[in-house]
Amino acid sequence: MAKSSALSTQLSLEESAWELFETGAYEEVSHLAEKNPKNVFLNHLRAVGIFETESSTANNFLLDGKTVLTPLVGAYLHRAKGNTKEAALLFHEYFKASSSPVSYSILKTGIKTCEEMGAYKACADLIQRYKALFNDGYFCRLEFFSNYHLRKFEDALKTFKENSEQLKEDRDVLAALGLCFVHIGKFDEAVNILEKLPGAGEIPTYEEKVTEYSDKIKEIPKYESRRKELNKQELLDLGYAYLFSASYKKAEEVFTSLVGQEGQ
């Protein structure tokens, strides 16, 4: 068998098992572990392979002992139990180590787990590792939003530019792209993006938004007099009142403070 040919080389047992794992030959990895029950690495790799087939029976195997795969096994165990936060932390820990074996399947699972948790710093780190190995834009949407939520607006704009063909029709991405421009003070670009969103016919024009916020604009002095007492919605109203009255610098300050609150 082609997948078994790796066993006839001069590779170590662990290296041979890893090659089989990388090709998705999880059953053959299991057979190796069964033949070598005292090999902790093979037991760990076998468990990961079974988790990758969406089975929870890996809990039944002997997983004692420590190997380079220990954080990875822990991540899968926590993921299976619904402990997404702990799983994301362990995936991040595993992939931060340059010596950790990396395959497409486990890196993809790690990134998706961090995304489920909203762990954007971990997402960004793992995506960079992914791009270095596989050189594609599979996670470009998540990379864009990770940079956005981390307030790395220039990086988010760069990600969009590099992957515009994949992202240019995504309404959520374009809406966030407009906010990126708001946060860096490029309000004309922000309005331009808003007006060109898919379904833009349903979106008010800038002039209509000025009319819509006319009452809020008149209330700006009152908002300013109690600035420290404003709740999130009132701050949003103040920010947009500034924006649609062309007080761009003040609008930027309000939106930046809101983003800071979200990050706390």
Protein backbone atom coordinates (compact mmCIF):
# COMPACT_ATOMS: atom_id res chain seq x y z
CA MET A 1 0.00 0.00 0.00
CA ALA A 2 1.24 3.48 -0.84
CA LYS A 3 0.41 4.86 2.60
CA SER A 4 2.30 2.04 4.28
CA SER A 5 5.43 2.55 2.21
CA ALA A 6 6.71 5.07 4.77
CA LEU A 7 7.22 2.21 7.19
CA SER A 8 9.86 0.63 4.98
CA THR A 9 12.13 3.68 5.10
CA GLN A 10 14.80 4.52 7.64
CA LEU A 11 12.49 6.91 9.45
CA SER A 12 11.84 6.37 13.14
CA LEU A 13 8.55 4.83 14.19
CA GLU A 14 7.27 8.22 15.36
CA GLU A 15 8.29 9.94 12.11
CA SER A 16 6.62 7.23 10.07
CA ALA A 17 3.44 7.57 12.10
CA TRP A 18 3.48 11.34 11.64
CA GLU A 19 3.81 10.97 7.86
CA LEU A 20 0.80 8.66 7.87
CA PHE A 21 -1.11 11.15 10.03
CA GLU A 22 -0.36 14.02 7.65
CA THR A 23 -1.94 12.08 4.76
CA GLY A 24 -5.06 11.37 6.80
CA ALA A 25 -4.25 7.69 7.29
CA TYR A 26 -5.60 7.72 10.86
CA GLU A 27 -6.49 4.01 10.88
CA GLU A 28 -2.91 3.06 10.09
CA VAL A 29 -1.71 5.32 12.89
CA SER A 30 -4.12 3.48 15.20
CA HIS A 31 -2.72 0.13 14.07
CA LEU A 32 0.81 1.32 14.88
CA ALA A 33 -0.31 2.47 18.33
CA GLU A 34 -1.99 -0.88 18.98
CA LYS A 35 1.21 -2.72 18.07
CA ASN A 36 3.27 -0.40 20.29
CA PRO A 37 1.03 0.25 23.33
CA LYS A 38 3.86 1.65 25.46
CA ASN A 39 4.77 4.31 22.92
CA VAL A 40 3.24 7.48 24.40
CA PHE A 41 3.70 9.55 21.24
CA LEU A 42 1.79 7.01 19.16
CA ASN A 43 -1.01 6.88 21.72
CA HIS A 44 -1.29 10.66 21.65
CA LEU A 45 -1.21 10.79 17.86
CA ARG A 46 -3.81 8.06 17.67
CA ALA A 47 -6.12 10.07 19.94
CA VAL A 48 -5.72 13.21 17.82
CA GLY A 49 -6.50 11.24 14.67
CA ILE A 50 -9.70 9.89 16.19
CA PHE A 51 -10.75 13.35 17.35
CA GLU A 52 -10.17 14.57 13.79
CA THR A 53 -12.72 12.00 12.60
CA GLU A 54 -15.20 13.65 15.01
CA SER A 55 -15.22 10.73 17.42
CA SER A 56 -15.19 11.15 21.19
CA THR A 57 -13.91 7.64 21.95
CA ALA A 58 -10.33 8.94 22.22
CA ASN A 59 -11.13 9.41 25.90
CA ASN A 60 -10.99 5.62 26.23
CA PHE A 61 -7.30 5.38 25.34
CA LEU A 62 -4.34 5.51 27.65
CA LEU A 63 -3.13 9.09 27.39
CA ASP A 64 -0.71 9.10 30.31
CA GLY A 65 2.79 10.47 29.88
CA LYS A 66 4.07 13.62 28.21
CA THR A 67 5.17 14.25 24.64
CA VAL A 68 5.36 17.24 22.34
CA LEU A 69 1.71 16.44 21.53
CA THR A 70 0.47 16.79 25.12
CA PRO A 71 -0.97 20.36 24.75
CA LEU A 72 -2.59 19.28 21.48
CA VAL A 73 -4.26 16.25 23.06
CA GLY A 74 -5.47 18.46 25.89
CA ALA A 75 -6.91 20.92 23.38
CA TYR A 76 -8.89 18.19 21.63
CA LEU A 77 -10.11 16.76 24.94
CA HIS A 78 -11.38 20.17 26.07
CA ARG A 79 -12.96 20.80 22.66
CA ALA A 80 -14.81 17.47 22.86
CA LYS A 81 -16.16 18.44 26.30
CA GLY A 82 -17.30 21.85 25.10
CA ASN A 83 -14.60 23.74 27.00
CA THR A 84 -13.82 26.00 24.06
CA LYS A 85 -11.86 28.61 26.01
CA GLU A 86 -9.45 26.04 27.46
CA ALA A 87 -9.16 24.34 24.06
CA ALA A 88 -8.28 27.62 22.34
CA LEU A 89 -5.59 28.39 24.92
CA LEU A 90 -3.99 24.97 24.48
CA PHE A 91 -4.10 25.13 20.68
CA HIS A 92 -2.39 28.52 20.87
CA GLU A 93 0.21 27.16 23.27
CA TYR A 94 0.90 24.17 21.03
CA PHE A 95 1.37 26.12 17.83
CA LYS A 96 3.51 28.83 19.45
CA ALA A 97 6.27 26.25 19.91
CA SER A 98 8.37 26.13 16.75
CA SER A 99 9.25 22.49 17.45
CA SER A 100 5.60 21.32 17.43
CA PRO A 101 4.69 19.06 14.49
CA VAL A 102 2.13 20.81 12.29
CA SER A 103 -0.37 19.36 9.84
CA TYR A 104 -3.07 21.04 7.78
CA SER A 105 -5.90 19.34 9.68
CA ILE A 106 -4.84 20.19 13.24
CA LEU A 107 -3.86 23.77 12.40
CA LYS A 108 -7.23 24.28 10.73
CA THR A 109 -9.02 22.86 13.78
CA GLY A 110 -6.98 25.09 16.08
CA ILE A 111 -7.84 28.23 14.12
CA LYS A 112 -11.53 27.38 14.03
CA THR A 113 -11.54 26.72 17.77
CA CYS A 114 -9.97 30.10 18.47
CA GLU A 115 -12.52 31.71 16.16
CA GLU A 116 -15.40 30.07 18.06
CA MET A 117 -14.01 31.55 21.27
CA GLY A 118 -13.44 34.97 19.76
CA ALA A 119 -9.76 34.66 20.68
CA TYR A 120 -8.64 37.05 17.96
CA LYS A 121 -5.01 37.37 19.08
CA ALA A 122 -4.66 33.59 18.93
CA CYS A 123 -6.47 33.54 15.57
CA ALA A 124 -4.08 36.11 14.13
CA ASP A 125 -1.03 34.20 15.41
CA LEU A 126 -2.22 30.84 14.08
CA ILE A 127 -3.24 32.31 10.72
CA GLN A 128 0.29 33.68 10.26
CA ARG A 129 1.64 30.18 10.95
CA TYR A 130 -0.89 28.77 8.49
CA LYS A 131 0.01 31.26 5.75
CA ALA A 132 3.71 30.54 6.15
CA LEU A 133 3.08 26.84 5.56
CA PHE A 134 0.26 26.76 3.04
CA ASN A 135 0.41 30.18 1.35
CA ASP A 136 -3.27 30.63 0.57
CA GLY A 137 -6.10 32.93 1.58
CA TYR A 138 -8.37 30.31 3.15
CA PHE A 139 -8.65 32.27 6.40
CA CYS A 140 -8.50 35.78 4.90
CA ARG A 141 -11.95 36.74 6.20
CA LEU A 142 -11.05 35.69 9.73
CA GLU A 143 -7.67 37.42 9.41
CA PHE A 144 -9.44 40.63 8.43
CA PHE A 145 -11.85 40.49 11.39
CA SER A 146 -9.10 39.45 13.80
CA ASN A 147 -7.12 42.55 12.89
CA TYR A 148 -10.29 44.64 13.13
CA HIS A 149 -11.19 43.40 16.61
CA LEU A 150 -7.58 43.84 17.73
CA ARG A 151 -7.86 47.46 16.54
CA LYS A 152 -5.12 46.91 13.99
CA PHE A 153 -7.08 48.85 11.40
CA GLU A 154 -4.19 49.42 9.00
CA ASP A 155 -3.47 45.68 9.03
CA ALA A 156 -7.15 44.96 8.40
CA LEU A 157 -7.08 47.29 5.40
CA LYS A 158 -3.96 45.54 4.14
CA THR A 159 -5.62 42.13 4.51
CA PHE A 160 -8.63 43.36 2.57
CA LYS A 161 -6.45 44.76 -0.20
CA GLU A 162 -4.51 41.49 -0.52
CA ASN A 163 -7.71 39.44 -0.66
CA SER A 164 -10.15 41.86 -2.27
CA GLU A 165 -11.33 39.35 -4.88
CA GLN A 166 -12.55 37.03 -2.13
CA LEU A 167 -13.90 39.72 0.19
CA LYS A 168 -15.29 42.47 -2.02
CA GLU A 169 -18.83 41.03 -2.11
CA ASP A 170 -19.03 40.28 1.64
CA ARG A 171 -21.39 42.81 3.16
CA ASP A 172 -20.16 42.28 6.74
CA VAL A 173 -16.56 42.73 5.68
CA LEU A 174 -17.36 45.89 3.75
CA ALA A 175 -19.28 47.34 6.69
CA ALA A 176 -16.29 46.69 8.96
CA LEU A 177 -14.00 48.09 6.27
CA GLY A 178 -15.95 51.33 6.40
CA LEU A 179 -15.49 51.44 10.17
CA CYS A 180 -11.76 50.86 9.73
CA PHE A 181 -11.65 54.05 7.71
CA VAL A 182 -13.67 55.83 10.41
CA HIS A 183 -11.24 54.75 13.11
CA ILE A 184 -8.20 56.00 11.21
CA GLY A 185 -9.93 59.27 10.38
CA LYS A 186 -10.56 58.72 6.66
CA PHE A 187 -14.25 59.61 6.74
CA ASP A 188 -14.71 60.25 3.02
CA GLU A 189 -13.49 56.73 2.29
CA ALA A 190 -15.81 55.39 4.99
CA VAL A 191 -18.85 57.03 3.43
CA ASN A 192 -17.79 55.82 -0.01
CA ILE A 193 -17.65 52.22 1.23
CA LEU A 194 -21.04 52.52 2.94
CA GLU A 195 -22.73 53.80 -0.19
CA LYS A 196 -21.30 50.96 -2.29
CA LEU A 197 -22.29 48.06 -0.04
CA PRO A 198 -24.25 45.24 -1.72
CA GLY A 199 -27.88 46.31 -1.65
CA ALA A 200 -26.82 49.92 -1.36
CA GLY A 201 -30.19 50.99 -2.68
CA GLU A 202 -31.55 50.06 0.72
CA ILE A 203 -28.93 52.13 2.54
CA PRO A 204 -29.50 55.84 3.19
CA THR A 205 -27.16 58.22 1.44
CA TYR A 206 -24.82 60.43 3.40
CA GLU A 207 -27.18 63.37 2.92
CA GLU A 208 -30.11 61.30 4.21
CA LYS A 209 -28.08 60.32 7.26
CA VAL A 210 -27.38 64.00 7.92
CA THR A 211 -31.13 64.59 7.89
CA GLU A 212 -31.75 61.51 10.04
CA TYR A 213 -29.29 62.70 12.68
CA SER A 214 -30.33 66.36 12.56
CA ASP A 215 -31.99 66.16 15.99
CA LYS A 216 -28.95 64.42 17.47
CA ILE A 217 -26.69 67.05 15.93
CA LYS A 218 -28.72 69.76 17.66
CA GLU A 219 -28.29 67.86 20.93
CA ILE A 220 -24.48 67.73 20.70
CA PRO A 221 -23.97 70.44 23.39
CA LYS A 222 -26.19 68.50 25.81
CA TYR A 223 -24.30 65.25 25.09
CA GLU A 224 -21.00 67.05 25.64
CA SER A 225 -22.13 68.50 28.98
CA ARG A 226 -22.68 65.00 30.40
CA ARG A 227 -20.03 63.15 28.39
CA LYS A 228 -18.75 61.11 31.36
CA GLU A 229 -22.26 59.83 32.10
CA LEU A 230 -23.18 58.70 28.58
CA ASN A 231 -24.01 55.03 28.05
CA LYS A 232 -22.83 53.09 25.00
CA GLN A 233 -25.87 53.95 22.86
CA GLU A 234 -25.61 57.63 23.70
CA LEU A 235 -21.91 57.59 22.82
CA LEU A 236 -22.77 55.98 19.48
CA ASP A 237 -25.37 58.69 18.87
CA LEU A 238 -22.82 61.36 19.74
CA GLY A 239 -20.21 59.77 17.48
CA TYR A 240 -22.55 59.69 14.52
CA ALA A 241 -23.80 63.19 15.28
CA TYR A 242 -20.19 64.35 15.03
CA LEU A 243 -19.64 62.29 11.87
CA PHE A 244 -22.69 63.64 10.04
CA SER A 245 -21.96 67.20 11.09
CA ALA A 246 -18.45 66.92 9.62
CA SER A 247 -16.73 67.03 13.03
CA TYR A 248 -14.52 64.17 11.95
CA LYS A 249 -11.79 64.43 14.57
CA LYS A 250 -14.32 64.39 17.40
CA ALA A 251 -16.15 61.47 15.78
CA GLU A 252 -12.88 59.54 15.62
CA GLU A 253 -12.24 60.17 19.32
CA VAL A 254 -15.69 58.87 20.30
CA PHE A 255 -15.48 55.74 18.13
CA THR A 256 -11.97 55.01 19.40
CA SER A 257 -13.17 55.23 23.01
CA LEU A 258 -16.00 52.81 22.22
CA VAL A 259 -13.60 50.31 20.69
CA GLY A 260 -11.46 50.62 23.82
CA GLN A 261 -14.48 49.75 25.98
CA GLU A 262 -15.18 46.65 23.86
CA GLY A 263 -11.60 45.47 24.32
CA GLN A 264 -11.74 45.64 28.11
